[in-house]
Amino acid sequence: MLRLSGNIQIEDRWHHPPGSVDALRALLVNGVEAATDHQRKGFYEIEDGARVFYVHLCPTGRVLLLAIWTREHVQPSVSHCASFEMSASA
C-alpha cells in the first residue's frame, strides 16, 4: 500500500491530460496498491482502473509523474506490491 500525507508535490513535466495529476494525488492520499519497479529504486506503477501511472518518489517527498498508459491484458513485468508510507513536506 502506498499512501502519502501532507503537501504532496507532483511534478508533471510531460503535461499529461487534464485531471491526471489530481487523480494521482487522490490515489496517493487515500492509499493505493503500487507495484515496485525492481530495476529502479523508488519507481512504482499505480493502477487506477484501466489507467496506469508510472511515478518516482524522490527522497525529498516530491512525486514525479513520468508516464500514463492504458492497461492491457498482458501482465506487466513489474508485479511485486510494495508497502510504503511517507509524509510529503515542503
PDB file of N, CA and C in Angstrom:
ATOM      1  N   MET A   1       0.856  -1.176   0.000  1.00  0.00           N
ATOM      2  CA  MET A   1       0.000   0.000   0.000  1.00  0.00           C
ATOM      3  C   MET A   1       0.897   1.233   0.000  1.00  0.00           C
ATOM      4  N   LEU A   2       0.604   2.142  -0.854  1.00  0.00           N
ATOM      5  CA  LEU A   2       1.348   3.393  -0.958  1.00  0.00           C
ATOM      6  C   LEU A   2       0.415   4.515  -0.527  1.00  0.00           C
ATOM      7  N   ARG A   3       0.795   5.253   0.505  1.00  0.00           N
ATOM      8  CA  ARG A   3      -0.035   6.356   0.996  1.00  0.00           C
ATOM      9  C   ARG A   3       0.879   7.502   1.395  1.00  0.00           C
ATOM     10  N   LEU A   4       0.578   8.689   0.890  1.00  0.00           N
ATOM     11  CA  LEU A   4       1.344   9.887   1.222  1.00  0.00           C
ATOM     12  C   LEU A   4       0.445  10.858   1.970  1.00  0.00           C
ATOM     13  N   SER A   5       1.043  11.675   2.803  1.00  0.00           N
ATOM     14  CA  SER A   5       0.269  12.679   3.521  1.00  0.00           C
ATOM     15  C   SER A   5       1.013  14.004   3.473  1.00  0.00           C
ATOM     16  N   GLY A   6       0.323  15.044   3.854  1.00  0.00           N
ATOM     17  CA  GLY A   6       0.928  16.369   3.841  1.00  0.00           C
ATOM     18  C   GLY A   6       0.735  17.048   2.494  1.00  0.00           C
ATOM     19  N   ASN A   7       1.602  17.989   2.210  1.00  0.00           N
ATOM     20  CA  ASN A   7       1.546  18.751   0.964  1.00  0.00           C
ATOM     21  C   ASN A   7       2.242  17.944  -0.140  1.00  0.00           C
ATOM     22  N   ILE A   8       1.480  17.163  -0.879  1.00  0.00           N
ATOM     23  CA  ILE A   8       2.051  16.295  -1.917  1.00  0.00           C
ATOM     24  C   ILE A   8       2.351  17.126  -3.159  1.00  0.00           C
ATOM     25  N   GLN A   9       3.616  17.184  -3.506  1.00  0.00           N
ATOM     26  CA  GLN A   9       4.042  17.898  -4.709  1.00  0.00           C
ATOM     27  C   GLN A   9       4.228  16.895  -5.839  1.00  0.00           C
ATOM     28  N   ILE A  10       3.410  17.035  -6.890  1.00  0.00           N
ATOM     29  CA  ILE A  10       3.508  16.154  -8.051  1.00  0.00           C
ATOM     30  C   ILE A  10       4.006  16.974  -9.220  1.00  0.00           C
ATOM     31  N   GLU A  11       5.114  16.547  -9.780  1.00  0.00           N
ATOM     32  CA  GLU A  11       5.691  17.231 -10.934  1.00  0.00           C
ATOM     33  C   GLU A  11       5.343  16.452 -12.194  1.00  0.00           C
ATOM     34  N   ASP A  12       4.708  17.130 -13.148  1.00  0.00           N
ATOM     35  CA  ASP A  12       4.282  16.520 -14.412  1.00  0.00           C
ATOM     36  C   ASP A  12       4.923  17.281 -15.565  1.00  0.00           C
ATOM     37  N   ARG A  13       6.156  16.940 -15.876  1.00  0.00           N
ATOM     38  CA  ARG A  13       6.884  17.636 -16.942  1.00  0.00           C
ATOM     39  C   ARG A  13       6.351  17.335 -18.333  1.00  0.00           C
ATOM     40  N   TRP A  14       5.601  16.233 -18.482  1.00  0.00           N
ATOM     41  CA  TRP A  14       5.137  15.815 -19.815  1.00  0.00           C
ATOM     42  C   TRP A  14       3.736  16.310 -20.115  1.00  0.00           C
ATOM     43  N   HIS A  15       3.133  17.068 -19.212  1.00  0.00           N
ATOM     44  CA  HIS A  15       1.816  17.681 -19.433  1.00  0.00           C
ATOM     45  C   HIS A  15       0.769  16.643 -19.849  1.00  0.00           C
ATOM     46  N   HIS A  16       0.535  15.684 -18.962  1.00  0.00           N
ATOM     47  CA  HIS A  16      -0.461  14.647 -19.209  1.00  0.00           C
ATOM     48  C   HIS A  16      -1.861  15.252 -19.239  1.00  0.00           C
ATOM     49  N   PRO A  17      -2.868  14.484 -19.650  1.00  0.00           N
ATOM     50  CA  PRO A  17      -4.229  15.026 -19.783  1.00  0.00           C
ATOM     51  C   PRO A  17      -4.713  15.702 -18.496  1.00  0.00           C
ATOM     52  N   PRO A  18      -5.559  16.730 -18.662  1.00  0.00           N
ATOM     53  CA  PRO A  18      -6.093  17.449 -17.502  1.00  0.00           C
ATOM     54  C   PRO A  18      -6.742  16.484 -16.503  1.00  0.00           C
ATOM     55  N   GLY A  19      -6.551  16.736 -15.260  1.00  0.00           N
ATOM     56  CA  GLY A  19      -7.143  15.910 -14.219  1.00  0.00           C
ATOM     57  C   GLY A  19      -6.280  14.738 -13.795  1.00  0.00           C
ATOM     58  N   SER A  20      -5.247  14.409 -14.566  1.00  0.00           N
ATOM     59  CA  SER A  20      -4.400  13.260 -14.243  1.00  0.00           C
ATOM     60  C   SER A  20      -3.648  13.467 -12.937  1.00  0.00           C
ATOM     61  N   VAL A  21      -3.100  14.651 -12.758  1.00  0.00           N
ATOM     62  CA  VAL A  21      -2.352  14.932 -11.530  1.00  0.00           C
ATOM     63  C   VAL A  21      -3.291  14.885 -10.332  1.00  0.00           C
ATOM     64  N   ASP A  22      -4.488  15.444 -10.472  1.00  0.00           N
ATOM     65  CA  ASP A  22      -5.457  15.419  -9.372  1.00  0.00           C
ATOM     66  C   ASP A  22      -5.877  13.988  -9.046  1.00  0.00           C
ATOM     67  N   ALA A  23      -6.076  13.160 -10.074  1.00  0.00           N
ATOM     68  CA  ALA A  23      -6.454  11.760  -9.860  1.00  0.00           C
ATOM     69  C   ALA A  23      -5.335  11.014  -9.147  1.00  0.00           C
ATOM     70  N   LEU A  24      -4.095  11.244  -9.560  1.00  0.00           N
ATOM     71  CA  LEU A  24      -2.955  10.602  -8.913  1.00  0.00           C
ATOM     72  C   LEU A  24      -2.839  11.058  -7.461  1.00  0.00           C
ATOM     73  N   ARG A  25      -2.999  12.344  -7.215  1.00  0.00           N
ATOM     74  CA  ARG A  25      -2.924  12.877  -5.855  1.00  0.00           C
ATOM     75  C   ARG A  25      -3.984  12.211  -4.966  1.00  0.00           C
ATOM     76  N   ALA A  26      -5.209  12.077  -5.475  1.00  0.00           N
ATOM     77  CA  ALA A  26      -6.290  11.445  -4.703  1.00  0.00           C
ATOM     78  C   ALA A  26      -5.942   9.989  -4.372  1.00  0.00           C
ATOM     79  N   LEU A  27      -5.373   9.274  -5.327  1.00  0.00           N
ATOM     80  CA  LEU A  27      -4.973   7.891  -5.069  1.00  0.00           C
ATOM     81  C   LEU A  27      -3.920   7.827  -3.968  1.00  0.00           C
ATOM     82  N   LEU A  28      -2.939   8.707  -4.041  1.00  0.00           N
ATOM     83  CA  LEU A  28      -1.851   8.699  -3.065  1.00  0.00           C
ATOM     84  C   LEU A  28      -2.324   9.091  -1.664  1.00  0.00           C
ATOM     85  N   VAL A  29      -3.265  10.018  -1.582  1.00  0.00           N
ATOM     86  CA  VAL A  29      -3.790  10.448  -0.292  1.00  0.00           C
ATOM     87  C   VAL A  29      -4.645   9.346   0.340  1.00  0.00           C
ATOM     88  N   ASN A  30      -5.453   8.679  -0.477  1.00  0.00           N
ATOM     89  CA  ASN A  30      -6.360   7.654   0.030  1.00  0.00           C
ATOM     90  C   ASN A  30      -5.676   6.304   0.235  1.00  0.00           C
ATOM     91  N   GLY A  31      -4.527   6.121  -0.374  1.00  0.00           N
ATOM     92  CA  GLY A  31      -3.809   4.850  -0.299  1.00  0.00           C
ATOM     93  C   GLY A  31      -4.146   3.987  -1.493  1.00  0.00           C
ATOM     94  N   VAL A  32      -3.122   3.451  -2.106  1.00  0.00           N
ATOM     95  CA  VAL A  32      -3.304   2.652  -3.314  1.00  0.00           C
ATOM     96  C   VAL A  32      -2.204   1.593  -3.363  1.00  0.00           C
ATOM     97  N   GLU A  33      -2.537   0.436  -3.918  1.00  0.00           N
ATOM     98  CA  GLU A  33      -1.507  -0.578  -4.105  1.00  0.00           C
ATOM     99  C   GLU A  33      -0.597  -0.127  -5.236  1.00  0.00           C
ATOM    100  N   ALA A  34       0.696  -0.319  -5.026  1.00  0.00           N
ATOM    101  CA  ALA A  34       1.683   0.107  -6.018  1.00  0.00           C
ATOM    102  C   ALA A  34       2.638  -1.037  -6.290  1.00  0.00           C
ATOM    103  N   ALA A  35       2.924  -1.264  -7.567  1.00  0.00           N
ATOM    104  CA  ALA A  35       3.882  -2.295  -7.950  1.00  0.00           C
ATOM    105  C   ALA A  35       5.259  -1.660  -8.065  1.00  0.00           C
ATOM    106  N   THR A  36       6.216  -2.228  -7.377  1.00  0.00           N
ATOM    107  CA  THR A  36       7.574  -1.676  -7.432  1.00  0.00           C
ATOM    108  C   THR A  36       8.250  -2.071  -8.735  1.00  0.00           C
ATOM    109  N   ASP A  37       9.094  -1.199  -9.211  1.00  0.00           N
ATOM    110  CA  ASP A  37       9.934  -1.481 -10.367  1.00  0.00           C
ATOM    111  C   ASP A  37      11.248  -2.015  -9.804  1.00  0.00           C
ATOM    112  N   HIS A  38      11.491  -3.292  -9.975  1.00  0.00           N
ATOM    113  CA  HIS A  38      12.677  -3.920  -9.388  1.00  0.00           C
ATOM    114  C   HIS A  38      13.968  -3.475 -10.058  1.00  0.00           C
ATOM    115  N   GLN A  39      13.873  -2.813 -11.189  1.00  0.00           N
ATOM    116  CA  GLN A  39      15.050  -2.311 -11.892  1.00  0.00           C
ATOM    117  C   GLN A  39      15.475  -0.931 -11.384  1.00  0.00           C
ATOM    118  N   ARG A  40      14.511  -0.187 -10.777  1.00  0.00           N
ATOM    119  CA  ARG A  40      14.788   1.190 -10.375  1.00  0.00           C
ATOM    120  C   ARG A  40      14.220   1.459  -8.984  1.00  0.00           C
ATOM    121  N   LYS A  41      15.079   1.847  -8.066  1.00  0.00           N
ATOM    122  CA  LYS A  41      14.651   2.137  -6.704  1.00  0.00           C
ATOM    123  C   LYS A  41      13.780   3.397  -6.674  1.00  0.00           C
ATOM    124  N   GLY A  42      12.652   3.293  -5.983  1.00  0.00           N
ATOM    125  CA  GLY A  42      11.765   4.446  -5.820  1.00  0.00           C
ATOM    126  C   GLY A  42      10.794   4.664  -6.956  1.00  0.00           C
ATOM    127  N   PHE A  43      10.723   3.733  -7.912  1.00  0.00           N
ATOM    128  CA  PHE A  43       9.808   3.850  -9.049  1.00  0.00           C
ATOM    129  C   PHE A  43       8.665   2.856  -8.866  1.00  0.00           C
ATOM    130  N   TYR A  44       7.441   3.293  -9.219  1.00  0.00           N
ATOM    131  CA  TYR A  44       6.254   2.482  -8.986  1.00  0.00           C
ATOM    132  C   TYR A  44       5.261   2.605 -10.140  1.00  0.00           C
ATOM    133  N   GLU A  45       4.485   1.533 -10.342  1.00  0.00           N
ATOM    134  CA  GLU A  45       3.311   1.549 -11.213  1.00  0.00           C
ATOM    135  C   GLU A  45       2.092   1.555 -10.306  1.00  0.00           C
ATOM    136  N   ILE A  46       1.172   2.472 -10.592  1.00  0.00           N
ATOM    137  CA  ILE A  46      -0.049   2.610  -9.806  1.00  0.00           C
ATOM    138  C   ILE A  46      -1.228   2.470 -10.759  1.00  0.00           C
ATOM    139  N   GLU A  47      -2.084   1.485 -10.502  1.00  0.00           N
ATOM    140  CA  GLU A  47      -3.249   1.266 -11.361  1.00  0.00           C
ATOM    141  C   GLU A  47      -4.455   2.022 -10.838  1.00  0.00           C
ATOM    142  N   ASP A  48      -5.187   2.607 -11.773  1.00  0.00           N
ATOM    143  CA  ASP A  48      -6.435   3.303 -11.481  1.00  0.00           C
ATOM    144  C   ASP A  48      -7.430   2.875 -12.549  1.00  0.00           C
ATOM    145  N   GLY A  49      -8.108   1.768 -12.317  1.00  0.00           N
ATOM    146  CA  GLY A  49      -8.986   1.214 -13.342  1.00  0.00           C
ATOM    147  C   GLY A  49      -8.132   0.716 -14.496  1.00  0.00           C
ATOM    148  N   ALA A  50      -8.417   1.195 -15.698  1.00  0.00           N
ATOM    149  CA  ALA A  50      -7.647   0.795 -16.877  1.00  0.00           C
ATOM    150  C   ALA A  50      -6.404   1.660 -17.082  1.00  0.00           C
ATOM    151  N   ARG A  51      -6.260   2.694 -16.258  1.00  0.00           N
ATOM    152  CA  ARG A  51      -5.131   3.625 -16.391  1.00  0.00           C
ATOM    153  C   ARG A  51      -4.015   3.233 -15.430  1.00  0.00           C
ATOM    154  N   VAL A  52      -2.762   3.352 -15.898  1.00  0.00           N
ATOM    155  CA  VAL A  52      -1.598   3.065 -15.065  1.00  0.00           C
ATOM    156  C   VAL A  52      -0.714   4.305 -15.023  1.00  0.00           C
ATOM    157  N   PHE A  53      -0.342   4.718 -13.810  1.00  0.00           N
ATOM    158  CA  PHE A  53       0.594   5.820 -13.617  1.00  0.00           C
ATOM    159  C   PHE A  53       1.966   5.225 -13.315  1.00  0.00           C
ATOM    160  N   TYR A  54       3.007   5.771 -13.900  1.00  0.00           N
ATOM    161  CA  TYR A  54       4.379   5.377 -13.571  1.00  0.00           C
ATOM    162  C   TYR A  54       5.017   6.580 -12.903  1.00  0.00           C
ATOM    163  N   VAL A  55       5.435   6.403 -11.648  1.00  0.00           N
ATOM    164  CA  VAL A  55       5.924   7.531 -10.855  1.00  0.00           C
ATOM    165  C   VAL A  55       7.250   7.196 -10.189  1.00  0.00           C
ATOM    166  N   HIS A  56       7.948   8.259  -9.814  1.00  0.00           N
ATOM    167  CA  HIS A  56       9.145   8.131  -8.993  1.00  0.00           C
ATOM    168  C   HIS A  56       8.922   8.940  -7.730  1.00  0.00           C
ATOM    169  N   LEU A  57       9.159   8.311  -6.572  1.00  0.00           N
ATOM    170  CA  LEU A  57       9.072   9.011  -5.300  1.00  0.00           C
ATOM    171  C   LEU A  57      10.470   9.446  -4.920  1.00  0.00           C
ATOM    172  N   CYS A  58      10.697  10.740  -4.951  1.00  0.00           N
ATOM    173  CA  CYS A  58      12.005  11.299  -4.615  1.00  0.00           C
ATOM    174  C   CYS A  58      12.207  11.237  -3.100  1.00  0.00           C
ATOM    175  N   PRO A  59      13.444  11.126  -2.652  1.00  0.00           N
ATOM    176  CA  PRO A  59      13.723  11.123  -1.213  1.00  0.00           C
ATOM    177  C   PRO A  59      13.209  12.381  -0.506  1.00  0.00           C
ATOM    178  N   THR A  60      13.049  13.468  -1.247  1.00  0.00           N
ATOM    179  CA  THR A  60      12.552  14.724  -0.673  1.00  0.00           C
ATOM    180  C   THR A  60      11.048  14.706  -0.450  1.00  0.00           C
ATOM    181  N   GLY A  61      10.341  13.680  -0.967  1.00  0.00           N
ATOM    182  CA  GLY A  61       8.896  13.602  -0.838  1.00  0.00           C
ATOM    183  C   GLY A  61       8.161  14.028  -2.090  1.00  0.00           C
ATOM    184  N   ARG A  62       8.861  14.599  -3.042  1.00  0.00           N
ATOM    185  CA  ARG A  62       8.246  15.009  -4.302  1.00  0.00           C
ATOM    186  C   ARG A  62       7.931  13.776  -5.145  1.00  0.00           C
ATOM    187  N   VAL A  63       6.843  13.827  -5.913  1.00  0.00           N
ATOM    188  CA  VAL A  63       6.435  12.737  -6.788  1.00  0.00           C
ATOM    189  C   VAL A  63       6.613  13.195  -8.233  1.00  0.00           C
ATOM    190  N   LEU A  64       7.351  12.426  -9.013  1.00  0.00           N
ATOM    191  CA  LEU A  64       7.500  12.710 -10.442  1.00  0.00           C
ATOM    192  C   LEU A  64       6.555  11.809 -11.214  1.00  0.00           C
ATOM    193  N   LEU A  65       5.619  12.392 -11.946  1.00  0.00           N
ATOM    194  CA  LEU A  65       4.725  11.633 -12.817  1.00  0.00           C
ATOM    195  C   LEU A  65       5.432  11.489 -14.152  1.00  0.00           C
ATOM    196  N   LEU A  66       5.868  10.283 -14.462  1.00  0.00           N
ATOM    197  CA  LEU A  66       6.690  10.054 -15.642  1.00  0.00           C
ATOM    198  C   LEU A  66       5.912   9.560 -16.846  1.00  0.00           C
ATOM    199  N   ALA A  67       4.863   8.776 -16.627  1.00  0.00           N
ATOM    200  CA  ALA A  67       4.109   8.225 -17.752  1.00  0.00           C
ATOM    201  C   ALA A  67       2.727   7.796 -17.291  1.00  0.00           C
ATOM    202  N   ILE A  68       1.805   7.769 -18.238  1.00  0.00           N
ATOM    203  CA  ILE A  68       0.465   7.233 -18.035  1.00  0.00           C
ATOM    204  C   ILE A  68       0.141   6.408 -19.266  1.00  0.00           C
ATOM    205  N   TRP A  69      -0.394   5.214 -19.060  1.00  0.00           N
ATOM    206  CA  TRP A  69      -0.817   4.403 -20.197  1.00  0.00           C
ATOM    207  C   TRP A  69      -2.060   3.620 -19.826  1.00  0.00           C
ATOM    208  N   THR A  70      -2.693   3.048 -20.848  1.00  0.00           N
ATOM    209  CA  THR A  70      -3.866   2.217 -20.646  1.00  0.00           C
ATOM    210  C   THR A  70      -3.409   0.790 -20.430  1.00  0.00           C
ATOM    211  N   ARG A  71      -3.909   0.166 -19.370  1.00  0.00           N
ATOM    212  CA  ARG A  71      -3.553  -1.210 -19.041  1.00  0.00           C
ATOM    213  C   ARG A  71      -4.075  -2.145 -20.123  1.00  0.00           C
ATOM    214  N   GLU A  72      -3.229  -3.062 -20.510  1.00  0.00           N
ATOM    215  CA  GLU A  72      -3.613  -4.072 -21.491  1.00  0.00           C
ATOM    216  C   GLU A  72      -3.795  -5.392 -20.761  1.00  0.00           C
ATOM    217  N   HIS A  73      -4.167  -6.422 -21.458  1.00  0.00           N
ATOM    218  CA  HIS A  73      -4.424  -7.717 -20.853  1.00  0.00           C
ATOM    219  C   HIS A  73      -3.151  -8.462 -20.485  1.00  0.00           C
ATOM    220  N   VAL A  74      -1.999  -7.985 -20.946  1.00  0.00           N
ATOM    221  CA  VAL A  74      -0.728  -8.629 -20.655  1.00  0.00           C
ATOM    222  C   VAL A  74      -0.269  -8.224 -19.265  1.00  0.00           C
ATOM    223  N   GLN A  75       0.247  -9.172 -18.488  1.00  0.00           N
ATOM    224  CA  GLN A  75       0.777  -8.870 -17.166  1.00  0.00           C
ATOM    225  C   GLN A  75       2.048  -8.050 -17.308  1.00  0.00           C
ATOM    226  N   PRO A  76       2.186  -6.950 -16.567  1.00  0.00           N
ATOM    227  CA  PRO A  76       3.416  -6.160 -16.635  1.00  0.00           C
ATOM    228  C   PRO A  76       4.566  -6.909 -15.967  1.00  0.00           C
ATOM    229  N   SER A  77       5.781  -6.531 -16.315  1.00  0.00           N
ATOM    230  CA  SER A  77       6.947  -7.167 -15.727  1.00  0.00           C
ATOM    231  C   SER A  77       7.152  -6.730 -14.285  1.00  0.00           C
ATOM    232  N   VAL A  78       6.544  -5.627 -13.903  1.00  0.00           N
ATOM    233  CA  VAL A  78       6.624  -5.146 -12.528  1.00  0.00           C
ATOM    234  C   VAL A  78       5.413  -5.714 -11.807  1.00  0.00           C
ATOM    235  N   SER A  79       5.635  -6.585 -10.822  1.00  0.00           N
ATOM    236  CA  SER A  79       4.482  -7.257 -10.246  1.00  0.00           C
ATOM    237  C   SER A  79       4.450  -7.308  -8.728  1.00  0.00           C
ATOM    238  N   HIS A  80       5.497  -6.931  -8.049  1.00  0.00           N
ATOM    239  CA  HIS A  80       5.532  -7.057  -6.599  1.00  0.00           C
ATOM    240  C   HIS A  80       4.934  -5.819  -5.957  1.00  0.00           C
ATOM    241  N   CYS A  81       3.977  -5.991  -5.071  1.00  0.00           N
ATOM    242  CA  CYS A  81       3.345  -4.861  -4.383  1.00  0.00           C
ATOM    243  C   CYS A  81       4.222  -4.400  -3.237  1.00  0.00           C
ATOM    244  N   ALA A  82       4.276  -3.096  -3.072  1.00  0.00           N
ATOM    245  CA  ALA A  82       5.102  -2.518  -2.017  1.00  0.00           C
ATOM    246  C   ALA A  82       4.209  -1.883  -0.956  1.00  0.00           C
ATOM    247  N   SER A  83       4.675  -1.892   0.247  1.00  0.00           N
ATOM    248  CA  SER A  83       4.018  -1.168   1.315  1.00  0.00           C
ATOM    249  C   SER A  83       4.931  -0.011   1.683  1.00  0.00           C
ATOM    250  N   PHE A  84       4.441   1.217   1.484  1.00  0.00           N
ATOM    251  CA  PHE A  84       5.281   2.387   1.653  1.00  0.00           C
ATOM    252  C   PHE A  84       4.406   3.525   2.129  1.00  0.00           C
ATOM    253  N   GLU A  85       4.791   4.190   3.166  1.00  0.00           N
ATOM    254  CA  GLU A  85       4.053   5.351   3.645  1.00  0.00           C
ATOM    255  C   GLU A  85       5.036   6.422   4.028  1.00  0.00           C
ATOM    256  N   MET A  86       4.775   7.647   3.590  1.00  0.00           N
ATOM    257  CA  MET A  86       5.663   8.751   3.938  1.00  0.00           C
ATOM    258  C   MET A  86       4.873  10.039   4.001  1.00  0.00           C
ATOM    259  N   SER A  87       5.446  11.011   4.601  1.00  0.00           N
ATOM    260  CA  SER A  87       4.840  12.318   4.705  1.00  0.00           C
ATOM    261  C   SER A  87       5.581  13.261   3.763  1.00  0.00           C
ATOM    262  N   ALA A  88       4.853  13.846   2.818  1.00  0.00           N
ATOM    263  CA  ALA A  88       5.456  14.805   1.902  1.00  0.00           C
ATOM    264  C   ALA A  88       5.565  16.143   2.622  1.00  0.00           C
ATOM    265  N   SER A  89       6.724  16.753   2.506  1.00  0.00           N
ATOM    266  CA  SER A  89       6.916  18.044   3.159  1.00  0.00           C
ATOM    267  C   SER A  89       7.541  19.035   2.216  1.00  0.00           C
ATOM    268  N   ALA A  90       7.229  20.275   2.444  1.00  0.00           N
ATOM    269  CA  ALA A  90       7.738  21.410   1.672  1.00  0.00           C
ATOM    270  C   ALA A  90       8.248  20.922   0.403  1.00  0.00           C
TER     271      ALA A  90
END
